[in-house]
Protein backbone atom coordinates (compact mmCIF):
# COMPACT_ATOMS: atom_id res chain seq x y z
CA MET A 1 5.16 30.15 5.03
CA PRO A 2 2.40 31.21 7.42
CA PRO A 3 3.37 32.78 10.74
CA LYS A 4 4.81 30.55 13.45
CA LEU A 5 2.40 28.65 15.62
CA ARG A 6 2.81 28.49 19.36
CA LEU A 7 1.59 25.59 21.45
CA TRP A 8 2.07 25.76 25.22
CA ARG A 9 4.56 28.63 24.83
CA GLN A 10 6.72 26.71 22.36
CA ASP A 11 7.15 27.45 18.68
CA VAL A 12 5.86 24.76 16.33
CA GLU A 13 8.00 24.43 13.21
CA TRP A 14 6.30 24.16 9.83
CA GLN A 15 7.10 20.93 8.01
CA THR A 16 6.66 19.96 4.37
CA LYS A 17 5.82 16.40 5.36
CA VAL A 18 4.49 14.81 8.52
CA ARG A 19 4.27 11.25 9.78
CA TYR A 20 0.86 10.40 11.20
CA LEU A 21 -0.01 6.89 12.38
CA GLY A 22 2.84 5.48 10.33
CA VAL A 23 1.83 7.21 7.09
CA GLN A 24 3.99 9.99 5.69
CA ILE A 25 1.84 12.77 4.29
CA ASP A 26 3.54 15.42 2.22
CA ARG A 27 2.28 18.89 1.49
CA SER A 28 1.15 18.15 -2.07
CA MET A 29 -0.51 14.80 -1.16
CA ARG A 30 1.55 13.03 -3.85
CA MET A 31 2.46 10.29 -1.36
CA ALA A 32 6.05 10.22 -2.66
CA ALA A 33 7.49 10.05 0.86
CA GLN A 34 5.05 7.28 1.83
CA VAL A 35 5.90 5.18 -1.22
CA GLU A 36 9.62 5.59 -0.53
CA GLN A 37 9.07 4.55 3.09
CA VAL A 38 6.99 1.52 2.08
CA ILE A 39 9.61 0.39 -0.44
CA HIS A 40 12.41 0.89 2.07
CA GLN A 41 10.55 -1.14 4.72
CA SER A 42 9.75 -3.98 2.32
CA ARG A 43 13.38 -4.15 1.15
CA ALA A 44 14.56 -4.27 4.76
CA ALA A 45 12.08 -7.05 5.60
CA ARG A 46 13.04 -8.96 2.45
CA SER A 47 16.74 -8.74 3.22
CA MET A 48 16.20 -10.02 6.77
CA LEU A 49 14.04 -12.86 5.47
CA ARG A 50 16.36 -13.73 2.56
CA PRO A 51 17.72 -16.93 4.21
CA VAL A 52 14.16 -18.19 4.73
CA LEU A 53 12.83 -17.11 1.34
CA ARG A 54 15.73 -18.71 -0.55
CA SER A 55 15.73 -21.90 1.52
CA HIS A 56 14.46 -25.31 0.44
CA LEU A 57 11.35 -25.06 2.61
CA PRO A 58 7.95 -25.80 1.06
CA LEU A 59 6.40 -22.87 -0.80
CA ARG A 60 3.56 -22.55 1.73
CA ALA A 61 6.12 -22.16 4.51
CA LYS A 62 7.89 -19.41 2.56
CA LEU A 63 4.67 -17.61 1.61
CA ALA A 64 3.64 -17.17 5.24
CA PRO A 65 6.54 -14.82 6.14
CA TYR A 66 6.01 -12.99 2.85
CA LYS A 67 2.36 -12.33 3.67
CA GLY A 68 3.09 -11.52 7.29
CA TYR A 69 6.11 -9.27 6.95
CA ILE A 70 6.64 -8.03 3.41
CA ARG A 71 3.09 -7.63 2.09
CA SER A 72 1.92 -6.12 5.37
CA ARG A 73 4.58 -3.42 5.04
CA LEU A 74 3.66 -2.77 1.42
CA THR A 75 -0.02 -2.34 2.23
CA TYR A 76 -0.05 -0.74 5.69
CA ALA A 77 -2.94 1.79 5.76
CA ALA A 78 -3.09 1.52 1.96
CA PRO A 79 -6.87 2.10 1.67
CA ALA A 80 -6.16 5.65 2.84
CA TRP A 81 -3.21 6.54 0.59
CA TYR A 82 -3.02 4.11 -2.35
CA ALA A 83 -5.62 5.96 -4.47
CA LEU A 84 -3.37 9.04 -4.39
CA CYS A 85 -0.37 7.24 -5.91
CA SER A 86 0.75 7.84 -9.47
CA ILE A 87 1.08 5.03 -12.01
CA SER A 88 4.87 4.92 -11.59
CA GLN A 89 4.53 4.68 -7.80
CA ILE A 90 2.03 1.83 -8.17
CA LYS A 91 4.46 0.02 -10.48
CA ARG A 92 7.30 0.46 -7.97
CA ILE A 93 5.17 -1.03 -5.18
CA GLN A 94 4.13 -3.94 -7.42
CA ALA A 95 7.79 -4.51 -8.34
CA GLN A 96 8.61 -5.09 -4.67
CA GLN A 97 6.03 -7.86 -4.54
CA SER A 98 7.37 -9.39 -7.75
CA ILE A 99 10.94 -9.39 -6.42
CA ALA A 100 9.86 -11.17 -3.24
CA LEU A 101 7.81 -13.78 -5.11
CA ARG A 102 10.66 -14.45 -7.53
CA MET A 103 12.96 -14.96 -4.56
CA ILE A 104 10.49 -17.41 -2.99
CA VAL A 105 10.21 -19.64 -6.06
CA GLY A 106 13.75 -19.10 -7.31
CA ALA A 107 12.40 -17.97 -10.67
CA GLY A 108 14.84 -17.61 -13.49
CA ARG A 109 15.41 -14.56 -15.59
CA TYR A 110 12.83 -15.37 -18.27
CA VAL A 111 9.87 -16.27 -16.05
CA LEU A 112 7.17 -13.60 -16.17
CA ASN A 113 6.16 -11.95 -12.90
CA ASN A 114 2.45 -12.52 -13.48
CA VAL A 115 3.11 -16.23 -14.11
CA THR A 116 4.93 -16.49 -10.78
CA ALA A 117 2.10 -14.72 -8.94
CA ARG A 118 -0.56 -16.80 -10.70
CA ASP A 119 1.17 -20.09 -9.87
CA LEU A 120 1.46 -19.08 -6.21
CA CYS A 121 -2.19 -17.90 -6.17
CA ILE A 122 -1.10 -14.46 -4.96
CA GLU A 123 -3.12 -11.46 -6.10
CA THR A 124 -1.42 -8.26 -7.19
CA VAL A 125 -0.87 -5.54 -4.62
CA GLU A 126 -3.62 -3.45 -6.21
CA GLU A 127 -6.13 -6.32 -6.11
CA PHE A 128 -5.23 -7.02 -2.48
CA ILE A 129 -5.62 -3.36 -1.50
CA ARG A 130 -8.90 -3.14 -3.42
CA ARG A 131 -10.18 -6.19 -1.54
CA ILE A 132 -9.20 -4.94 1.93
CA ALA A 133 -10.49 -1.42 1.16
CA ARG A 134 -13.85 -2.78 -0.01
CA ARG A 135 -14.05 -4.90 3.13
CA MET A 136 -13.12 -1.96 5.36
CA PHE A 137 -15.68 0.41 3.80
CA ASP A 138 -18.41 -2.27 3.85
CA PHE A 139 -17.69 -2.99 7.50
CA ALA A 140 -17.86 0.73 8.33
CA ASP A 141 -21.08 1.26 6.33
CA GLN A 142 -22.88 -1.74 7.83
CA GLY A 143 -21.55 -1.44 11.36
CA PRO A 144 -23.45 -0.31 14.44
CA HIS A 145 -21.72 3.07 14.64
CA GLU A 146 -23.59 5.90 12.91
CA PHE A 147 -20.56 8.17 12.68
CA LEU A 148 -18.66 5.61 10.57
CA ARG A 149 -21.42 5.15 7.99
CA ASN A 150 -20.59 6.69 4.64
CA ILE A 151 -17.32 7.98 6.12
CA ALA A 152 -15.79 8.41 2.68
CA PRO A 153 -18.71 8.86 0.29
CA THR A 154 -18.40 7.85 -3.33
CA HIS A 155 -18.22 10.83 -5.69
CA GLU A 156 -17.56 11.03 -9.38
CA ARG A 157 -14.39 13.00 -8.63
CA SER A 158 -13.33 15.31 -5.84
CA PRO A 159 -13.53 19.07 -6.54
CA SER A 160 -9.74 19.21 -6.72
CA GLY A 161 -9.61 16.40 -9.27
CA ARG A 162 -7.60 14.13 -6.96
CA PRO A 163 -8.75 10.54 -6.46
CA LEU A 164 -10.55 9.72 -3.23
CA PRO A 165 -9.80 6.71 -1.00
CA ARG A 166 -13.08 4.96 -1.83
CA GLU A 167 -12.24 5.06 -5.55
CA ILE A 168 -9.86 2.15 -5.01
CA THR A 169 -12.91 -0.08 -4.43
CA LYS A 170 -14.21 0.52 -7.95
CA THR A 171 -13.28 -2.10 -10.47
CA PRO A 172 -10.56 -0.93 -12.83
CA PRO A 173 -11.17 -0.52 -16.56
CA PRO A 174 -10.26 -3.63 -18.57
CA LYS A 175 -6.64 -3.76 -19.70
CA GLN A 176 -6.12 -3.60 -23.43
């Protein structure tokens, strides 16, 4: 570890991860701590909303709390960190959405997750994040503030080989 920092005559401890504006950033930028936090928050929200989600209310009435509480926790600040997630982390986040949607419709064991999402007209977490990221970057690029224009330029790949936040706006390769 580097030498201790001092700020206003107090030692500042080195940390392997830090929480900044609600996003947990770890030293290696793998976003493992952030994904764990997001999954924990969505499970907590889902458990508190379980009586509503499993009730006999109309589907539209049950989708509103899902979109407001569960999906918002899954995708908080996602344009900044989602591109850094591994495939397994992306699958874990998508699984949280699938669990909530299955709870809403009361889907049986043999109903496919994509069928449930399609019938409810709910896009996948990745499609939703891609849409809000594209909207955010377009708004920043076309806005009146010069300093926000091209804030995260599009590159082929960063020098370190890690994905960049704007890469989430690119359309994915077709699934085979």
